[in-house]
Every structure is written in C-alpha cells, then in structure tokens.
Amino acid sequence: MQLYCTRPGCSKPTNFFNDLDHLTTLKTVKQKFCTNCGMSLILADRYLTTKLLGQGGFGAAFLARDRYTPGLRQCVVKQFQPSGRLTPNQLQMAQDLFEREAEALEQLGREHSQIPDLFAFFELSIPSPHQATEDKFFYLVQEFIDGETLEERLIRQGKFSESNVLDVLRETLKILQFVHENGSIHRDIKPSNIMWNLNGRLYLLDFGAVKYATTAGGSKASTSIYSLGFAPPEQVSGDEVYPSTDLYALAVTCIMLLTGKQPPELFNAYNNSWKWQSFVQTSQQLADVLDKMLLPVPDQRFQSAIDVLEALVVRPQRPQPPPQPAPLPTPTTSLPAAVSKSQQIPQRASVHPFSILELLGAAAFTGCEGALLAIALFSLPIPAPISAGLWLALSIGLVVVQSRRIIEKVDLVILAGITFAVIGFLPALHAVVAGLALGNGFLAVAVLAVSGGLSAIAVTALFRLIYKLLARFF
C-alpha cells in the first residue's frame, strides 16, 4: 500500500508498505513512518494519507483512508501548512481561519447534505528531523466528494449551456441560502469550489475563507483573503462583507461558465463594469439577474439568495383589464383620443428549451419504450385495434410528460430499465416476437428495443436537420 508523507518539504513523500496490503495488518499496525524524514504516516492512529490532492498558501489537502471503518472509507485530510514568510499576526490569522473552517464544516456539513461533513479536527506534535524540538501540525478530516469541479468540467467540455448554468445557479443559491441563514458568508465562491459528484449532485466546497456574520460590537472589517477576479470591491478593499458578496462571486462564476473565458477577459477596468454579454446570447431574464448580482455597490445587488431565486422564476404575464367605457363628455371633459379594442392575452410560463443531447436522449427513450410497449401490448390476448389504440395513447403520453419535463435525465433510464426488465423476463409478453429469427424471446426483445431507440434518434435528427434548413431559408 502506498502512504504519502504530510510533512511540508519532505523530498521523498511517497512510501510503499507491502504488509499493509493485508487487511488484518492494516487495521492493527501501531504506526508507520516516512522512510525519508521519519514523519508519522498514520494520523491520529486511524487516517492513512495516500495521495496529495492540492496545495495552497495556507495548507495542503490529501486523499486518505479511515482504517477504523468497515470499507476503509475515503476522506480528505487538510493540513494547516502556512509558508514561512508570514508575520506572527498573519500566522495567527491563518490558524484562526483554519479552525473557523473546521467549525463551519461541523455546523453546516452536519445539517446540509450538499456541504462536506467534518469527521475530525486534531493537532499532532512530531519530533523535528533536524532539531531536538517538536513540530506542531493541525489537521481536519472531512467527507470526500468523488466528482468533478465546475472548473474541471469547463476545461474538459467547454462553455456551459444556459440551461446548465441555470441549474448550477439555482442549486448553489439554495446552499448559500442555508449558509447565510446560519450566520456565515463563504467568501470564496468560484468554479473550483463547486463540484458535481458522480451522481449529478452539486456540492459547495472549501470553507477556508468563511466569515461569520458581524454581531453587535464585533469588528466589521474583513480579512483580505479572496480569489482575484471573483471578489467584489468591498472584499478586495477589506471592508465588511455581506450575503451579496457571495452572490457577486456566484455571478462571476456563471458568466465564466457561459462564456468559457476568465474573469479578467470579461471585466472592463476602464469603466469598472462587466462586458460578458458580447460573448454569449442568453435570455433577457438571466442577463438582467446576473447584471444585478454584478453591481459594484453591495446594497444595489440582490440582498439574499431567496431574492435571486424569486427573480429567476418565470411567471405568466397578467392579462390587462378590459378598457373602461369612455365617460360622457361634459364641459370640462373631452373624449379620449383612442380606445384599445382588444385585451392582451396572458403569456404562458416558458419551459427551458431542450439541448440537442437532451432531444436525442428523449428520442432514444421514446423509441425504446415504444418498442417495448408494442411487444407487450400485441402479445396480449386482445384485438389488434385495441392494442394499437393503447400503444398510440401511451406513446403520446410519453412525449407529453417529457415535453413538460415531468420526467427527464435519470428518470428516463430508470423507467426504460424497469419496462425492459418486466417485459424481458415475462415469456407471456413475447408472443409477438416468437416467430422472429433473433434467438430466444429475451434477445429478440432487447434487439427490438435497441432498434426502436436508434430509429427514433435517426428520425429526430433528420427532422431537426430539415427544420434547421427550412428556418434558414424562411
């Protein structure tokens, strides 16, 4: 097993111990030491660091295993590791921030499922390799989120669609609403601190810069810790920060995802404004919301995450009341110049448009599900016209619920899998495919289901191409 030394500056931090490949030894061995510097490798007698995940100005993060859990649970070990160039005041401030992160994770992570949970927070004293003294190290252990940060996804796939950015915006706002209502301000919102896990669930990471809301008699000044390009003016200048400080950074994150460009490329320093709209086309509603979040003065922005969420709700336009009859003319009243002859029709709330991948995925699901339903219905002992009518009604129903986004994404895979399992393993529903030269009934069902999905994709792609060509000419 490989163990990674956490001593800062260790020249050969990677260590290999073959005996730890045996579970019994792994769970009972007292300690292992770095073969290069002698640093203890099993932290707090239970955490085995295996890999360096990242390193910053105040610390480092390691992937680790908890040997006192049945499945050797993965976790993240963060070490307080400030550089040697800090003044005593700066060192104390950095240590306070590290302890504050542990406190925030203990409070917020325990109560919100989209914030990593705190597992442990401890101090270790280790003999120095070159002096007759001891070095002090501070560690916190938190939940490991296996996934991809928004920054990593942006690098891998390029800029996000508007619908994807809206998903990120809404989910992050819900988490920030909880953080702010519990008296904290994150102060470091950026793509690298927001992660989608492997199940598509969004998490807010890295509370190393968190600040508690100012209480009566408390200091209003803010430490000058921020990510350049994402922090608003009040944070850069060290003034008091607010919930709207996090909203500003979240808006910068969103325009970075929409445009695929870094913040300095989107900010006009000459007039202190953002010029992101020249790089991407979005709905006017989203543009207005982001622009208000990006205003330089804190009290001109939205004041809470709830305010932003409400501004993102698409509401139908209210119908105007019918025109009132004009009053009879009097010596002091003249007839109006014109009277409206019709009242406005209320607009429907819009549904987020489907991307091309969503459209083709929906087509594949509809074709596959339609083929499975046809096999089952035409195998039942009922007249063929009734089977055809039921199949048509169910197919139309599938299209309607997808168009209204009642079922989407993972729902489609789950529903198709359940239908295939029911029909594929019930021989009574294979009568219609018994005569096909496709092997046994189960194989025939699988082949026809896949063929239906591929056919639906081909037809959908063809019609979309025809639509695009006609739209270009007309």
Protein backbone atom coordinates (compact mmCIF):
# COMPACT_ATOMS: atom_id res chain seq x y z
CA MET A 1 0.00 0.00 0.00
CA GLN A 2 1.19 3.50 -0.77
CA LEU A 3 1.26 6.13 2.01
CA TYR A 4 2.03 9.81 1.43
CA CYS A 5 4.05 11.85 3.92
CA THR A 6 2.35 15.07 5.08
CA ARG A 7 5.48 16.81 6.42
CA PRO A 8 5.99 20.05 4.46
CA GLY A 9 9.14 19.94 2.35
CA CYS A 10 9.68 16.18 2.51
CA SER A 11 11.79 15.39 -0.57
CA LYS A 12 10.52 11.78 -0.93
CA PRO A 13 6.96 11.75 0.42
CA THR A 14 5.81 8.54 -1.32
CA ASN A 15 6.25 5.37 0.76
CA PHE A 16 5.33 1.74 -0.03
CA PHE A 17 4.47 -0.90 2.57
CA ASN A 18 3.61 -4.36 1.23
CA ASP A 19 2.41 -5.62 4.62
CA LEU A 20 -0.42 -3.04 4.59
CA ASP A 21 -1.97 -4.83 1.61
CA HIS A 22 -3.28 -7.34 4.17
CA LEU A 23 -6.43 -6.01 5.83
CA THR A 24 -5.61 -7.51 9.24
CA THR A 25 -2.21 -5.80 9.34
CA LEU A 26 -3.69 -2.56 8.02
CA LYS A 27 -6.20 -2.37 10.86
CA THR A 28 -3.87 -3.43 13.69
CA VAL A 29 -0.42 -1.98 12.95
CA LYS A 30 0.53 0.66 15.50
CA GLN A 31 2.29 3.16 13.24
CA LYS A 32 4.27 3.60 10.03
CA PHE A 33 6.94 6.24 9.46
CA CYS A 34 8.22 8.03 6.37
CA THR A 35 11.42 6.34 5.20
CA ASN A 36 12.83 9.75 4.23
CA CYS A 37 12.03 12.14 7.12
CA GLY A 38 10.56 9.93 9.86
CA MET A 39 7.15 11.62 9.86
CA SER A 40 4.25 9.59 11.30
CA LEU A 41 2.10 8.35 8.42
CA ILE A 42 -0.99 7.09 10.30
CA LEU A 43 -2.56 10.29 11.58
CA ALA A 44 -4.45 10.21 14.88
CA ASP A 45 -3.93 6.42 14.81
CA ARG A 46 -6.55 5.97 12.04
CA TYR A 47 -6.11 8.13 8.89
CA LEU A 48 -3.71 6.90 6.18
CA THR A 49 -2.90 9.58 3.61
CA THR A 50 -2.37 8.08 0.15
CA LYS A 51 -2.18 10.98 -2.30
CA LEU A 52 -1.65 14.76 -2.49
CA LEU A 53 -4.79 16.42 -3.89
CA GLY A 54 -3.67 20.04 -3.86
CA GLN A 55 -1.63 22.68 -2.10
CA GLY A 56 -2.19 26.37 -1.42
CA GLY A 57 -0.77 29.26 0.58
CA PHE A 58 -2.08 28.09 3.95
CA GLY A 59 -2.29 24.33 3.61
CA ALA A 60 -2.42 21.11 1.67
CA ALA A 61 -5.16 18.53 1.04
CA PHE A 62 -4.60 14.78 0.87
CA LEU A 63 -6.74 11.81 -0.09
CA ALA A 64 -6.86 9.39 2.81
CA ARG A 65 -8.44 6.20 4.15
CA ASP A 66 -10.09 5.73 7.52
CA ARG A 67 -8.86 2.34 8.71
CA TYR A 68 -11.45 2.15 11.51
CA THR A 69 -14.41 1.96 9.13
CA PRO A 70 -15.57 -1.34 7.57
CA GLY A 71 -14.96 -0.24 3.98
CA LEU A 72 -11.83 1.87 4.63
CA ARG A 73 -13.89 4.99 3.89
CA GLN A 74 -12.17 7.57 1.71
CA CYS A 75 -11.87 11.06 3.18
CA VAL A 76 -9.96 14.30 2.68
CA VAL A 77 -7.28 15.30 5.18
CA LYS A 78 -6.46 19.03 5.15
CA GLN A 79 -3.30 20.16 6.87
CA PHE A 80 -2.65 23.68 8.12
CA GLN A 81 0.62 24.39 6.32
CA PRO A 82 1.40 28.13 6.12
CA SER A 83 4.50 29.41 4.36
CA GLY A 84 7.47 30.54 6.43
CA ARG A 85 7.23 34.15 5.24
CA LEU A 86 4.21 35.04 7.40
CA THR A 87 4.42 37.52 10.27
CA PRO A 88 3.20 36.35 13.70
CA ASN A 89 -0.08 38.23 13.18
CA GLN A 90 -0.57 36.71 9.73
CA LEU A 91 0.25 33.25 11.10
CA GLN A 92 -2.32 33.63 13.85
CA MET A 93 -4.91 34.88 11.36
CA ALA A 94 -4.26 31.88 9.10
CA GLN A 95 -4.60 29.46 12.02
CA ASP A 96 -7.85 31.16 13.07
CA LEU A 97 -9.20 30.70 9.55
CA PHE A 98 -8.28 27.02 9.60
CA GLU A 99 -10.07 26.49 12.91
CA ARG A 100 -13.02 28.51 11.62
CA GLU A 101 -13.28 26.20 8.59
CA ALA A 102 -13.49 23.21 10.94
CA GLU A 103 -16.20 24.92 12.99
CA ALA A 104 -18.17 25.82 9.85
CA LEU A 105 -17.97 22.28 8.46
CA GLU A 106 -19.04 20.81 11.81
CA GLN A 107 -22.09 23.07 11.94
CA LEU A 108 -23.08 23.36 8.28
CA GLY A 109 -21.96 19.97 6.96
CA ARG A 110 -23.89 18.12 9.64
CA GLU A 111 -27.13 19.92 8.76
CA HIS A 112 -26.88 20.19 4.97
CA SER A 113 -26.28 17.24 2.68
CA GLN A 114 -24.57 19.34 -0.03
CA ILE A 115 -21.77 20.59 2.23
CA PRO A 116 -18.96 18.14 3.17
CA ASP A 117 -19.24 16.80 6.70
CA LEU A 118 -16.45 17.17 9.27
CA PHE A 119 -15.08 13.87 10.61
CA ALA A 120 -12.21 15.05 12.85
CA PHE A 121 -10.08 18.04 13.87
CA PHE A 122 -6.84 17.47 15.77
CA GLU A 123 -3.27 18.63 16.49
CA LEU A 124 -0.16 16.45 16.29
CA SER A 125 3.29 17.09 17.75
CA ILE A 126 6.01 15.29 15.77
CA PRO A 127 9.77 15.31 16.53
CA SER A 128 11.67 17.55 14.14
CA PRO A 129 14.06 15.60 11.86
CA HIS A 130 16.91 18.10 12.25
CA GLN A 131 16.43 19.68 15.70
CA ALA A 132 15.73 18.48 19.22
CA THR A 133 12.31 20.09 19.12
CA GLU A 134 8.81 19.14 18.09
CA ASP A 135 6.85 20.41 15.10
CA LYS A 136 3.15 21.09 15.54
CA PHE A 137 0.71 20.18 12.79
CA PHE A 138 -3.00 20.88 12.61
CA TYR A 139 -5.37 18.66 10.63
CA LEU A 140 -9.03 18.48 9.77
CA VAL A 141 -10.67 15.47 8.16
CA GLN A 142 -13.76 15.92 6.02
CA GLU A 143 -16.05 13.97 3.73
CA PHE A 144 -14.60 13.06 0.31
CA ILE A 145 -16.76 14.08 -2.63
CA ASP A 146 -15.94 11.98 -5.68
CA GLY A 147 -16.72 14.04 -8.75
CA GLU A 148 -15.67 16.94 -10.95
CA THR A 149 -15.46 20.64 -10.11
CA LEU A 150 -17.07 23.15 -12.43
CA GLU A 151 -13.60 24.38 -13.33
CA GLU A 152 -12.53 20.87 -14.38
CA ARG A 153 -15.72 20.36 -16.38
CA LEU A 154 -15.29 23.73 -18.11
CA ILE A 155 -11.78 22.71 -19.18
CA ARG A 156 -12.97 19.29 -20.34
CA GLN A 157 -16.16 20.16 -22.25
CA GLY A 158 -16.03 23.91 -22.91
CA LYS A 159 -18.60 26.54 -22.05
CA PHE A 160 -21.91 25.60 -20.46
CA SER A 161 -25.37 26.00 -21.99
CA GLU A 162 -27.80 28.45 -20.43
CA SER A 163 -29.92 25.62 -19.01
CA ASN A 164 -26.85 24.05 -17.35
CA VAL A 165 -25.81 27.40 -15.87
CA LEU A 166 -29.34 27.91 -14.54
CA ASP A 167 -29.11 24.50 -12.85
CA VAL A 168 -25.79 25.48 -11.23
CA LEU A 169 -27.13 28.89 -10.24
CA ARG A 170 -30.31 27.59 -8.62
CA GLU A 171 -28.62 24.73 -6.76
CA THR A 172 -25.79 26.92 -5.44
CA LEU A 173 -28.27 29.61 -4.36
CA LYS A 174 -30.18 27.04 -2.30
CA ILE A 175 -26.97 26.06 -0.50
CA LEU A 176 -25.97 29.70 0.02
CA GLN A 177 -29.42 30.46 1.41
CA PHE A 178 -28.74 27.86 4.11
CA VAL A 179 -25.20 29.15 4.75
CA HIS A 180 -26.33 32.77 5.07
CA GLU A 181 -29.34 31.94 7.25
CA ASN A 182 -26.93 30.17 9.62
CA GLY A 183 -24.84 33.31 10.07
CA SER A 184 -21.93 32.57 7.72
CA ILE A 185 -20.56 34.04 4.50
CA HIS A 186 -18.47 31.75 2.28
CA ARG A 187 -16.27 34.47 0.69
CA ASP A 188 -14.64 32.17 -1.88
CA ILE A 189 -17.30 31.17 -4.43
CA LYS A 190 -15.64 30.12 -7.70
CA PRO A 191 -15.83 27.20 -10.18
CA SER A 192 -13.11 25.20 -8.41
CA ASN A 193 -15.13 25.27 -5.16
CA ILE A 194 -18.37 23.94 -6.66
CA MET A 195 -18.47 20.25 -7.56
CA TRP A 196 -20.82 17.80 -9.25
CA ASN A 197 -20.43 14.37 -7.71
CA LEU A 198 -20.70 11.19 -9.77
CA ASN A 199 -24.47 11.07 -9.15
CA GLY A 200 -25.01 14.58 -10.52
CA ARG A 201 -25.48 16.24 -7.11
CA LEU A 202 -23.91 19.65 -6.56
CA TYR A 203 -21.69 20.38 -3.53
CA LEU A 204 -20.20 23.61 -2.17
CA LEU A 205 -16.58 23.09 -1.06
CA ASP A 206 -13.71 24.84 0.73
CA PHE A 207 -14.92 26.88 3.69
CA GLY A 208 -11.37 28.03 4.42
CA ALA A 209 -12.31 31.71 3.95
CA VAL A 210 -15.68 31.53 5.72
CA LYS A 211 -16.62 34.50 7.88
CA TYR A 212 -19.35 34.64 10.48
CA ALA A 213 -21.87 37.46 10.19
CA THR A 214 -20.97 40.52 12.25
CA THR A 215 -22.57 40.63 15.68
CA ALA A 216 -23.26 43.68 17.80
CA GLY A 217 -19.99 45.19 18.98
CA GLY A 218 -17.97 42.96 16.68
CA SER A 219 -15.46 44.08 14.11
CA LYS A 220 -16.87 44.90 10.69
CA ALA A 221 -13.55 44.68 8.88
CA SER A 222 -12.86 41.70 6.65
CA THR A 223 -9.56 39.91 6.16
CA SER A 224 -8.02 40.43 2.73
CA ILE A 225 -8.41 36.79 1.67
CA TYR A 226 -10.13 36.37 -1.67
CA SER A 227 -9.81 34.93 -5.17
CA LEU A 228 -8.80 37.61 -7.63
CA GLY A 229 -11.46 38.25 -10.26
CA PHE A 230 -14.32 36.75 -8.22
CA ALA A 231 -14.29 39.04 -5.18
CA PRO A 232 -16.38 42.26 -5.27
CA PRO A 233 -14.91 45.69 -4.41
CA GLU A 234 -15.86 45.61 -0.71
CA GLN A 235 -14.00 42.32 -0.20
CA VAL A 236 -10.91 43.43 -2.12
CA SER A 237 -10.67 46.62 -0.04
CA GLY A 238 -11.04 44.70 3.24
CA ASP A 239 -14.37 46.25 4.15
CA GLU A 240 -17.37 44.48 5.65
CA VAL A 241 -18.77 41.59 3.59
CA TYR A 242 -22.41 40.60 3.13
CA PRO A 243 -24.51 37.81 1.65
CA SER A 244 -24.48 39.85 -1.56
CA THR A 245 -20.67 39.41 -1.57
CA ASP A 246 -21.18 35.69 -2.23
CA LEU A 247 -23.87 36.50 -4.83
CA TYR A 248 -21.40 38.69 -6.74
CA ALA A 249 -18.82 35.87 -6.86
CA LEU A 250 -21.50 33.39 -7.92
CA ALA A 251 -22.49 35.68 -10.82
CA VAL A 252 -18.83 35.88 -11.94
CA THR A 253 -18.76 32.07 -11.82
CA CYS A 254 -21.87 31.89 -14.01
CA ILE A 255 -20.61 34.28 -16.71
CA MET A 256 -17.31 32.40 -16.76
CA LEU A 257 -19.20 29.14 -17.39
CA LEU A 258 -21.40 30.77 -20.06
CA THR A 259 -18.56 32.38 -22.00
CA GLY A 260 -15.68 29.99 -21.30
CA LYS A 261 -13.48 33.00 -20.52
CA GLN A 262 -11.56 34.02 -17.41
CA PRO A 263 -12.84 36.98 -15.31
CA PRO A 264 -10.10 39.44 -16.44
CA GLU A 265 -11.25 38.91 -20.06
CA LEU A 266 -14.82 39.85 -19.12
CA PHE A 267 -14.17 42.89 -16.90
CA ASN A 268 -13.73 46.39 -18.30
CA ALA A 269 -11.38 48.12 -15.86
CA TYR A 270 -11.77 51.44 -17.67
CA ASN A 271 -15.38 51.95 -16.58
CA ASN A 272 -15.48 49.32 -13.80
CA SER A 273 -18.13 47.15 -15.47
CA TRP A 274 -18.60 43.65 -16.88
CA LYS A 275 -18.79 43.11 -20.68
CA TRP A 276 -19.77 39.45 -20.73
CA GLN A 277 -22.92 39.79 -22.88
CA SER A 278 -20.89 40.47 -26.01
CA PHE A 279 -19.55 36.89 -25.86
CA VAL A 280 -22.77 34.90 -25.43
CA GLN A 281 -26.51 35.08 -26.15
CA THR A 282 -28.81 34.42 -23.18
CA SER A 283 -32.40 35.11 -22.23
CA GLN A 284 -33.05 38.67 -21.12
CA GLN A 285 -34.25 37.44 -17.74
CA LEU A 286 -30.98 35.64 -16.92
CA ALA A 287 -28.91 38.57 -18.24
CA ASP A 288 -30.81 41.04 -16.02
CA VAL A 289 -30.42 38.82 -12.95
CA LEU A 290 -26.66 38.35 -13.44
CA ASP A 291 -26.09 42.04 -14.16
CA LYS A 292 -27.82 42.99 -10.91
CA MET A 293 -25.73 40.45 -8.98
CA LEU A 294 -22.59 42.04 -10.50
CA LEU A 295 -23.27 45.63 -9.46
CA PRO A 296 -20.24 47.15 -7.66
CA VAL A 297 -22.20 48.59 -4.71
CA PRO A 298 -23.41 45.92 -2.25
CA ASP A 299 -26.81 47.43 -1.46
CA GLN A 300 -27.66 47.71 -5.19
CA ARG A 301 -27.40 43.93 -5.67
CA PHE A 302 -29.91 41.32 -4.58
CA GLN A 303 -29.71 41.13 -0.80
CA SER A 304 -30.32 37.41 -0.38
CA ALA A 305 -30.22 34.13 -2.28
CA ILE A 306 -34.01 33.94 -1.98
CA ASP A 307 -34.34 37.25 -3.85
CA VAL A 308 -32.31 35.83 -6.75
CA LEU A 309 -34.30 32.58 -6.81
CA GLU A 310 -37.55 34.55 -6.97
CA ALA A 311 -36.17 36.71 -9.80
CA LEU A 312 -35.38 33.54 -11.78
CA VAL A 313 -38.97 32.26 -11.60
CA VAL A 314 -40.71 32.52 -14.97
CA ARG A 315 -44.16 33.96 -14.36
CA PRO A 316 -47.02 34.30 -16.87
CA GLN A 317 -47.83 37.85 -17.84
CA ARG A 318 -51.04 39.06 -16.21
CA PRO A 319 -53.83 39.99 -18.63
CA GLN A 320 -54.68 43.68 -18.73
CA PRO A 321 -58.21 44.56 -17.62
CA PRO A 322 -60.68 45.34 -20.43
CA PRO A 323 -60.86 49.02 -21.36
CA GLN A 324 -63.42 51.00 -19.42
CA PRO A 325 -66.12 52.83 -21.41
CA ALA A 326 -65.28 56.45 -22.01
CA PRO A 327 -67.23 58.91 -19.83
CA LEU A 328 -69.81 61.10 -21.50
CA PRO A 329 -68.42 64.47 -22.49
CA THR A 330 -69.01 67.30 -20.09
CA PRO A 331 -67.99 70.91 -20.28
CA THR A 332 -64.73 70.03 -18.51
CA THR A 333 -64.17 66.52 -20.01
CA SER A 334 -63.15 65.68 -23.55
CA LEU A 335 -63.38 62.29 -25.30
CA PRO A 336 -60.18 60.19 -25.26
CA ALA A 337 -58.18 60.17 -28.45
CA ALA A 338 -58.30 56.35 -28.79
CA VAL A 339 -59.69 53.32 -27.00
CA SER A 340 -58.00 49.86 -27.00
CA LYS A 341 -60.11 47.34 -28.97
CA SER A 342 -58.56 44.16 -27.53
CA GLN A 343 -57.04 43.00 -24.33
CA GLN A 344 -53.69 41.31 -24.11
CA ILE A 345 -53.53 37.51 -23.97
CA PRO A 346 -51.52 36.19 -20.99
CA GLN A 347 -48.29 34.51 -21.91
CA ARG A 348 -47.56 31.01 -20.75
CA ALA A 349 -44.65 30.35 -18.45
CA SER A 350 -41.83 29.18 -20.67
CA VAL A 351 -40.17 25.81 -20.32
CA HIS A 352 -36.39 25.65 -20.60
CA PRO A 353 -35.51 24.67 -24.18
CA PHE A 354 -34.09 21.21 -24.81
CA SER A 355 -30.44 20.94 -25.83
CA ILE A 356 -29.63 18.71 -28.82
CA LEU A 357 -28.29 15.99 -26.47
CA GLU A 358 -31.45 16.11 -24.38
CA LEU A 359 -33.57 15.96 -27.54
CA LEU A 360 -31.74 12.91 -28.91
CA GLY A 361 -31.76 11.24 -25.49
CA ALA A 362 -35.52 11.77 -25.23
CA ALA A 363 -35.94 10.34 -28.73
CA ALA A 364 -33.92 7.25 -27.84
CA PHE A 365 -36.03 6.73 -24.72
CA THR A 366 -39.32 7.18 -26.61
CA GLY A 367 -38.28 4.79 -29.39
CA CYS A 368 -37.03 2.14 -26.96
CA GLU A 369 -40.06 2.47 -24.68
CA GLY A 370 -42.43 2.47 -27.65
CA ALA A 371 -40.93 -0.75 -28.99
CA LEU A 372 -41.21 -2.43 -25.59
CA LEU A 373 -44.82 -1.33 -25.16
CA ALA A 374 -45.68 -2.58 -28.68
CA ILE A 375 -44.17 -6.02 -27.94
CA ALA A 376 -46.15 -6.31 -24.70
CA LEU A 377 -49.49 -4.97 -25.97
CA PHE A 378 -49.56 -7.01 -29.21
CA SER A 379 -48.66 -10.16 -27.24
CA LEU A 380 -51.74 -9.84 -25.04
CA PRO A 381 -54.92 -11.77 -25.99
CA ILE A 382 -56.86 -8.67 -27.03
CA PRO A 383 -57.93 -7.47 -30.50
CA ALA A 384 -55.19 -5.79 -32.53
CA PRO A 385 -57.11 -2.46 -32.98
CA ILE A 386 -57.38 -2.11 -29.19
CA SER A 387 -53.68 -2.91 -28.76
CA ALA A 388 -52.81 -0.30 -31.40
CA GLY A 389 -55.00 2.32 -29.73
CA LEU A 390 -53.47 1.69 -26.31
CA TRP A 391 -49.96 1.83 -27.77
CA LEU A 392 -50.70 5.16 -29.52
CA ALA A 393 -52.16 6.70 -26.35
CA LEU A 394 -49.21 5.60 -24.21
CA SER A 395 -46.67 6.85 -26.78
CA ILE A 396 -48.34 10.26 -26.93
CA GLY A 397 -48.38 10.35 -23.14
CA LEU A 398 -44.63 9.67 -23.02
CA VAL A 399 -43.93 12.56 -25.39
CA VAL A 400 -46.17 14.95 -23.39
CA VAL A 401 -44.60 14.21 -19.98
CA GLN A 402 -41.12 14.66 -21.48
CA SER A 403 -42.04 17.95 -23.16
CA ARG A 404 -43.25 19.28 -19.79
CA ARG A 405 -40.10 17.92 -18.08
CA ILE A 406 -42.17 15.80 -15.71
CA ILE A 407 -39.66 13.01 -16.39
CA GLU A 408 -36.13 13.74 -17.61
CA LYS A 409 -32.48 12.76 -17.36
CA VAL A 410 -32.01 9.83 -14.94
CA ASP A 411 -35.78 9.24 -14.80
CA LEU A 412 -35.71 8.11 -18.44
CA VAL A 413 -33.03 5.48 -17.83
CA ILE A 414 -34.77 4.15 -14.72
CA LEU A 415 -38.19 3.93 -16.42
CA ALA A 416 -36.76 2.22 -19.53
CA GLY A 417 -34.83 -0.25 -17.38
CA ILE A 418 -37.91 -1.18 -15.36
CA THR A 419 -40.01 -1.67 -18.52
CA PHE A 420 -37.31 -3.81 -20.16
CA ALA A 421 -36.92 -5.95 -17.03
CA VAL A 422 -40.68 -6.56 -16.75
CA ILE A 423 -41.22 -7.38 -20.43
CA GLY A 424 -37.91 -9.18 -21.00
CA PHE A 425 -38.39 -11.66 -18.18
CA LEU A 426 -42.07 -12.44 -18.75
CA PRO A 427 -42.35 -15.04 -21.58
CA ALA A 428 -46.10 -14.38 -21.76
CA LEU A 429 -45.28 -10.97 -23.29
CA HIS A 430 -43.01 -12.44 -26.01
CA ALA A 431 -45.71 -13.92 -28.28
CA VAL A 432 -45.35 -11.26 -30.94
CA VAL A 433 -41.57 -11.85 -31.31
CA ALA A 434 -41.64 -15.65 -31.09
CA GLY A 435 -41.50 -16.06 -34.88
CA LEU A 436 -38.58 -13.67 -35.44
CA ALA A 437 -35.18 -15.16 -36.23
CA LEU A 438 -33.50 -13.29 -33.37
CA GLY A 439 -32.78 -16.11 -30.94
CA ASN A 440 -34.76 -16.59 -27.75
CA GLY A 441 -37.54 -14.21 -26.67
CA PHE A 442 -35.37 -12.16 -24.31
CA LEU A 443 -32.76 -11.49 -27.03
CA ALA A 444 -35.47 -10.54 -29.52
CA VAL A 445 -36.95 -8.06 -27.04
CA ALA A 446 -33.52 -6.49 -26.47
CA VAL A 447 -32.78 -6.23 -30.22
CA LEU A 448 -36.17 -4.66 -30.99
CA ALA A 449 -35.88 -2.20 -28.09
CA VAL A 450 -32.44 -1.03 -29.22
CA SER A 451 -33.62 -0.86 -32.83
CA GLY A 452 -36.57 1.28 -31.77
CA GLY A 453 -34.31 3.69 -29.90
CA LEU A 454 -31.84 4.01 -32.79
CA SER A 455 -34.65 4.50 -35.29
CA ALA A 456 -36.17 7.27 -33.17
CA ILE A 457 -32.79 9.01 -32.92
CA ALA A 458 -32.34 8.84 -36.71
CA VAL A 459 -35.84 10.21 -37.41
CA THR A 460 -35.46 13.00 -34.83
CA ALA A 461 -32.05 14.03 -36.19
CA LEU A 462 -33.43 14.04 -39.75
CA PHE A 463 -36.43 16.20 -38.88
CA ARG A 464 -34.25 18.61 -36.87
CA LEU A 465 -31.90 18.96 -39.85
CA ILE A 466 -34.85 19.63 -42.18
CA TYR A 467 -36.22 22.18 -39.69
CA LYS A 468 -32.86 23.99 -39.48
CA LEU A 469 -32.58 24.14 -43.28
CA LEU A 470 -36.12 25.48 -43.70
CA ALA A 471 -35.62 28.02 -40.93
CA ARG A 472 -32.51 29.33 -42.69
CA PHE A 473 -34.42 29.99 -45.92
CA PHE A 474 -37.74 31.20 -44.48
